[in-house]
Amino acid sequence: MKKYFFLFLLASYSIHSFASDQLNGTVWKTIDDETNQPRAIVKFSEDQTGALSATIEKILVPSEANVCLKCQGAYKNKSLVGVVIVKHLKSTSQNKYENGSILDPKTAKTYSFSATLSPDGKKLNGRGYIGISALGRSQTWYRLK
């Protein structure tokens, strides 16, 4: 009986460990691809369907306006803190994510988004694009904590 109970606990633990994505709950420093300067701190979270989103937690550019002037809808003229910049990102294979979208707060434009997590989990290489990935820009984000 003890063997079966141990096996049940082991199976439950392994199922639980795969229930959440490795990006879920992680915090990242975004780096501007044009200036190479840190821009913001974002945090990933996972919804009930397993899709990931990233929300701005802190703005790192003191001179930058903290209001999304060009944003539409709920974010218009609101603080950039709390803005969801990545939506619907899904894990497609180990360390690869696709089918997401990313909001550029500077222009208020939304782009398709894919990303690759480095093997050590410390860098996230993201690509925002229109149509095909070749027509886009890349950024590397660095993990905090």
Protein backbone atom coordinates (compact mmCIF):
# COMPACT_ATOMS: atom_id res chain seq x y z
CA MET A 1 0.00 0.00 0.00
CA LYS A 2 2.85 2.40 0.82
CA LYS A 3 4.36 1.74 -2.62
CA TYR A 4 1.15 2.75 -4.38
CA PHE A 5 0.79 5.85 -2.25
CA PHE A 6 4.39 6.84 -3.04
CA LEU A 7 3.82 6.27 -6.77
CA PHE A 8 0.63 8.35 -6.63
CA LEU A 9 2.51 11.21 -4.92
CA LEU A 10 5.33 10.99 -7.46
CA ALA A 11 2.88 11.07 -10.38
CA SER A 12 1.00 14.01 -8.85
CA TYR A 13 4.22 15.94 -8.39
CA SER A 14 5.35 15.38 -11.98
CA ILE A 15 1.96 16.47 -13.36
CA HIS A 16 2.05 19.60 -11.20
CA SER A 17 5.57 20.49 -12.33
CA PHE A 18 4.47 20.54 -15.98
CA ALA A 19 1.28 22.52 -15.34
CA SER A 20 2.96 25.91 -15.42
CA ASP A 21 5.24 27.31 -18.10
CA GLN A 22 8.82 28.20 -17.20
CA LEU A 23 8.21 31.88 -18.11
CA ASN A 24 5.20 32.13 -15.79
CA GLY A 25 5.99 34.52 -12.93
CA THR A 26 9.39 35.54 -14.27
CA VAL A 27 10.53 39.17 -14.31
CA TRP A 28 12.59 40.69 -17.16
CA LYS A 29 14.47 43.89 -17.96
CA THR A 30 13.62 45.01 -21.49
CA ILE A 31 16.35 46.54 -23.64
CA ASP A 32 15.55 48.98 -26.44
CA ASP A 33 16.81 47.56 -29.74
CA GLU A 34 17.60 51.05 -31.10
CA THR A 35 19.37 52.65 -28.10
CA ASN A 36 20.56 49.49 -26.33
CA GLN A 37 19.35 51.03 -23.05
CA PRO A 38 17.10 49.42 -20.41
CA ARG A 39 13.48 50.54 -20.87
CA ALA A 40 11.21 48.72 -18.45
CA ILE A 41 10.67 45.82 -16.09
CA VAL A 42 7.99 43.35 -17.23
CA LYS A 43 6.48 40.29 -15.59
CA PHE A 44 5.06 37.25 -17.36
CA SER A 45 1.90 35.52 -16.23
CA GLU A 46 -0.05 32.58 -17.57
CA ASP A 47 -3.82 32.39 -18.07
CA GLN A 48 -6.09 29.34 -17.73
CA THR A 49 -5.43 28.31 -21.36
CA GLY A 50 -1.67 28.30 -20.89
CA ALA A 51 -1.11 31.49 -22.91
CA LEU A 52 1.45 33.94 -21.55
CA SER A 53 1.22 37.69 -21.22
CA ALA A 54 3.71 40.27 -19.98
CA THR A 55 2.78 43.41 -18.04
CA ILE A 56 4.94 46.49 -17.46
CA GLU A 57 5.79 46.74 -13.76
CA LYS A 58 8.24 49.66 -13.82
CA ILE A 59 9.55 52.25 -16.30
CA LEU A 60 13.36 52.60 -16.24
CA VAL A 61 13.72 55.75 -18.40
CA PRO A 62 13.21 58.71 -16.04
CA SER A 63 12.87 61.27 -18.84
CA GLU A 64 10.25 59.23 -20.68
CA ALA A 65 6.63 60.18 -20.20
CA ASN A 66 4.86 57.63 -18.05
CA VAL A 67 1.66 58.07 -20.03
CA CYS A 68 0.71 56.13 -23.14
CA LEU A 69 -0.37 59.08 -25.31
CA LYS A 70 -0.67 57.10 -28.54
CA CYS A 71 -2.38 54.05 -27.05
CA GLN A 72 -6.01 53.35 -27.88
CA GLY A 73 -8.86 52.12 -25.70
CA ALA A 74 -8.31 51.41 -22.01
CA TYR A 75 -4.62 52.44 -22.06
CA LYS A 76 -5.09 55.87 -23.71
CA ASN A 77 -3.52 58.61 -21.56
CA LYS A 78 -2.91 56.11 -18.74
CA SER A 79 0.33 55.20 -17.00
CA LEU A 80 2.52 52.70 -18.84
CA VAL A 81 2.81 50.75 -15.59
CA GLY A 82 0.21 48.00 -15.80
CA VAL A 83 0.04 47.97 -19.61
CA VAL A 84 0.03 44.43 -21.03
CA ILE A 85 2.62 44.51 -23.81
CA VAL A 86 2.74 40.79 -24.67
CA LYS A 87 -0.41 38.72 -25.19
CA HIS A 88 -1.33 35.18 -26.28
CA LEU A 89 2.26 33.85 -26.33
CA LYS A 90 2.31 30.04 -26.46
CA SER A 91 5.10 27.54 -25.93
CA THR A 92 5.61 25.57 -29.14
CA SER A 93 8.63 23.51 -28.09
CA GLN A 94 11.29 23.60 -25.43
CA ASN A 95 12.39 27.23 -24.99
CA LYS A 96 10.44 28.43 -28.09
CA TYR A 97 7.34 30.62 -28.01
CA GLU A 98 5.13 31.78 -30.89
CA ASN A 99 1.74 33.13 -31.95
CA GLY A 100 1.85 36.05 -29.54
CA SER A 101 1.49 39.77 -30.03
CA ILE A 102 3.50 42.68 -28.66
CA LEU A 103 2.51 46.30 -28.17
CA ASP A 104 5.09 49.00 -28.86
CA PRO A 105 4.14 51.75 -26.37
CA LYS A 106 6.13 54.35 -28.35
CA THR A 107 3.95 53.95 -31.45
CA ALA A 108 0.91 52.16 -29.96
CA LYS A 109 1.24 49.58 -32.76
CA THR A 110 0.80 45.85 -32.20
CA TYR A 111 3.01 43.28 -33.90
CA SER A 112 3.17 39.49 -34.08
CA PHE A 113 5.64 38.18 -31.52
CA SER A 114 7.81 35.10 -31.09
CA ALA A 115 10.59 34.44 -28.59
CA THR A 116 13.32 32.00 -27.69
CA LEU A 117 14.52 31.45 -24.14
CA SER A 118 18.26 30.84 -23.78
CA PRO A 119 19.26 27.39 -22.46
CA ASP A 120 20.36 28.92 -19.14
CA GLY A 121 17.03 30.80 -18.83
CA LYS A 122 18.70 34.20 -18.42
CA LYS A 123 17.95 35.76 -21.83
CA LEU A 124 14.76 35.99 -23.84
CA ASN A 125 15.31 36.80 -27.51
CA GLY A 126 12.07 38.24 -28.87
CA ARG A 127 11.05 39.20 -32.39
CA GLY A 128 8.21 41.56 -33.24
CA TYR A 129 7.12 41.51 -36.87
CA ILE A 130 4.40 42.20 -39.42
CA GLY A 131 3.42 39.27 -41.64
CA ILE A 132 6.66 37.29 -41.75
CA SER A 133 9.43 37.25 -39.18
CA ALA A 134 11.95 38.67 -41.67
CA LEU A 135 10.04 41.97 -41.56
CA GLY A 136 10.61 42.88 -37.95
CA ARG A 137 12.83 43.88 -35.07
CA SER A 138 14.53 41.83 -32.38
CA GLN A 139 15.16 42.55 -28.71
CA THR A 140 16.97 40.66 -25.99
CA TRP A 141 15.47 40.83 -22.52
CA TYR A 142 17.42 39.87 -19.38
CA ARG A 143 15.95 37.92 -16.50
CA LEU A 144 15.89 39.47 -13.05
CA LYS A 145 15.82 37.62 -9.69
